[in-house]
Protein backbone atom coordinates (compact mmCIF):
# COMPACT_ATOMS: atom_id res chain seq x y z
CA TRP A 1 -10.99 17.42 14.56
CA VAL A 2 -8.25 19.14 12.61
CA VAL A 3 -6.40 18.08 9.48
CA ASP A 4 -2.84 17.65 10.73
CA GLU A 5 -1.35 16.57 7.42
CA HIS A 6 -2.60 16.40 3.86
CA HIS A 7 -0.36 14.40 1.56
CA ALA A 8 -1.56 14.41 -2.06
CA ASN A 9 0.52 13.44 -5.10
CA PRO A 10 3.72 15.05 -3.83
CA GLY A 11 6.04 13.45 -6.35
CA ALA A 12 6.66 10.76 -8.88
CA GLU A 13 7.79 8.19 -6.32
CA GLU A 14 5.03 8.76 -3.77
CA TRP A 15 1.54 8.44 -5.21
CA VAL A 16 -0.43 7.68 -2.08
CA THR A 17 -2.86 10.38 -0.99
CA PHE A 18 -3.62 10.39 2.71
CA TYR A 19 -4.93 12.70 5.40
CA GLU A 20 -4.28 12.68 9.11
CA PHE A 21 -6.98 14.01 11.40
CA VAL A 22 -6.14 14.86 15.01
CA ASP A 23 -8.49 15.75 17.85
CA PRO A 24 -7.95 19.16 19.51
CA GLU A 25 -6.25 17.56 22.55
CA ASN A 26 -3.86 15.64 20.25
CA THR A 27 -4.76 12.36 21.97
CA THR A 28 -6.28 10.58 18.97
CA SER A 29 -5.10 10.43 15.38
CA VAL A 30 -6.94 8.98 12.38
CA ILE A 31 -5.10 8.40 9.10
CA THR A 32 -7.26 7.96 6.01
CA ILE A 33 -6.07 6.81 2.60
CA ARG A 34 -7.87 7.85 -0.54
CA GLY A 35 -9.09 4.97 -2.65
CA THR A 36 -8.87 4.40 -6.38
CA HIS A 37 -9.42 7.69 -8.18
CA SER A 38 -7.49 7.65 -11.47
CA HIS A 39 -6.05 5.34 -14.10
CA LEU A 40 -2.73 5.41 -12.31
CA ASP A 41 -4.47 4.26 -9.12
CA ILE A 42 -5.98 1.33 -11.04
CA LEU A 43 -2.53 0.22 -12.17
CA GLU A 44 -1.25 0.57 -8.62
CA ASP A 45 -4.17 -1.53 -7.34
CA VAL A 46 -3.45 -4.24 -9.92
CA SER A 47 0.19 -4.35 -8.87
CA LEU A 48 -0.78 -4.55 -5.22
CA TRP A 49 -3.53 -7.19 -5.46
CA LEU A 50 -2.50 -9.40 -8.41
CA PRO A 51 -0.61 -12.04 -6.36
CA SER A 52 -3.57 -12.51 -4.00
CA VAL A 53 -6.05 -12.67 -6.87
CA LEU A 54 -4.00 -15.33 -8.66
CA ILE A 55 -3.86 -17.49 -5.52
CA GLN A 56 -7.65 -17.16 -5.14
CA ILE A 57 -8.18 -18.14 -8.78
CA PHE A 58 -5.95 -21.21 -8.38
CA ASP A 59 -7.87 -22.18 -5.26
CA TYR A 60 -11.23 -21.72 -6.98
CA LEU A 61 -10.14 -23.87 -9.94
CA GLY A 62 -8.87 -26.56 -7.59
CA VAL A 63 -5.30 -26.12 -8.72
CA PHE A 64 -3.06 -26.22 -5.70
CA PRO A 65 0.40 -24.97 -6.59
CA THR A 66 3.30 -26.39 -4.66
CA ARG A 67 4.96 -24.38 -1.93
CA GLY A 68 8.03 -23.92 -4.14
CA PHE A 69 5.91 -22.57 -6.99
CA VAL A 70 4.21 -20.05 -4.71
CA LEU A 71 7.51 -18.92 -3.16
CA ALA A 72 9.13 -18.56 -6.59
CA GLY A 73 6.17 -16.49 -7.79
CA LEU A 74 6.32 -14.23 -4.74
CA ARG A 75 10.07 -13.75 -5.14
CA PHE A 76 9.60 -12.85 -8.80
CA TRP A 77 6.79 -10.41 -8.03
CA THR A 78 8.78 -8.80 -5.20
CA HIS A 79 11.83 -8.42 -7.43
CA LEU A 80 9.69 -6.93 -10.21
CA LEU A 81 8.10 -4.38 -7.88
CA GLN A 82 11.42 -3.40 -6.32
CA SER A 83 13.08 -2.94 -9.70
CA THR A 84 10.33 -0.52 -10.74
CA GLY A 85 10.65 1.53 -7.55
CA TYR A 86 7.24 0.40 -6.31
CA SER A 87 8.69 -0.55 -2.92
CA GLN A 88 9.26 3.17 -2.27
CA THR A 89 5.61 4.07 -2.89
CA PHE A 90 4.42 3.97 0.71
CA THR A 91 7.52 5.43 2.39
CA ASP A 92 5.96 8.73 3.51
CA LEU A 93 2.81 7.05 4.80
CA LYS A 94 4.81 4.37 6.63
CA ALA A 95 7.07 7.01 8.18
CA ARG A 96 4.04 9.04 9.31
CA VAL A 97 2.40 6.01 10.94
CA GLN A 98 5.64 4.95 12.64
CA ASN A 99 6.16 8.48 13.91
CA ARG A 100 2.64 8.60 15.35
CA THR A 101 2.83 5.18 16.98
CA SER A 102 6.21 5.94 18.55
CA ASP A 103 4.68 9.01 20.25
CA THR A 104 2.41 6.80 22.37
């Protein structure tokens, strides 16, 4: 196996660190993503998982929000993340995966 690409903290908009490993015949590719490593990663994790955690908490407490409430919350969260540039965070990783899957 060979490291085909190493993508680590390349810029302010792209924080995701990932590696792509390719077998010598270039028939198999494995993309790995580094987990939480710094304070910035913790904030990124909170942003990513907060909506799911809140829904789980509501379910655990027996509070079942209406469909409209959930949709409004998701719209708000999506707008908030897009306005902070968070939606651009995974662009390089997404492009790499799409490129690899289109080669098959």
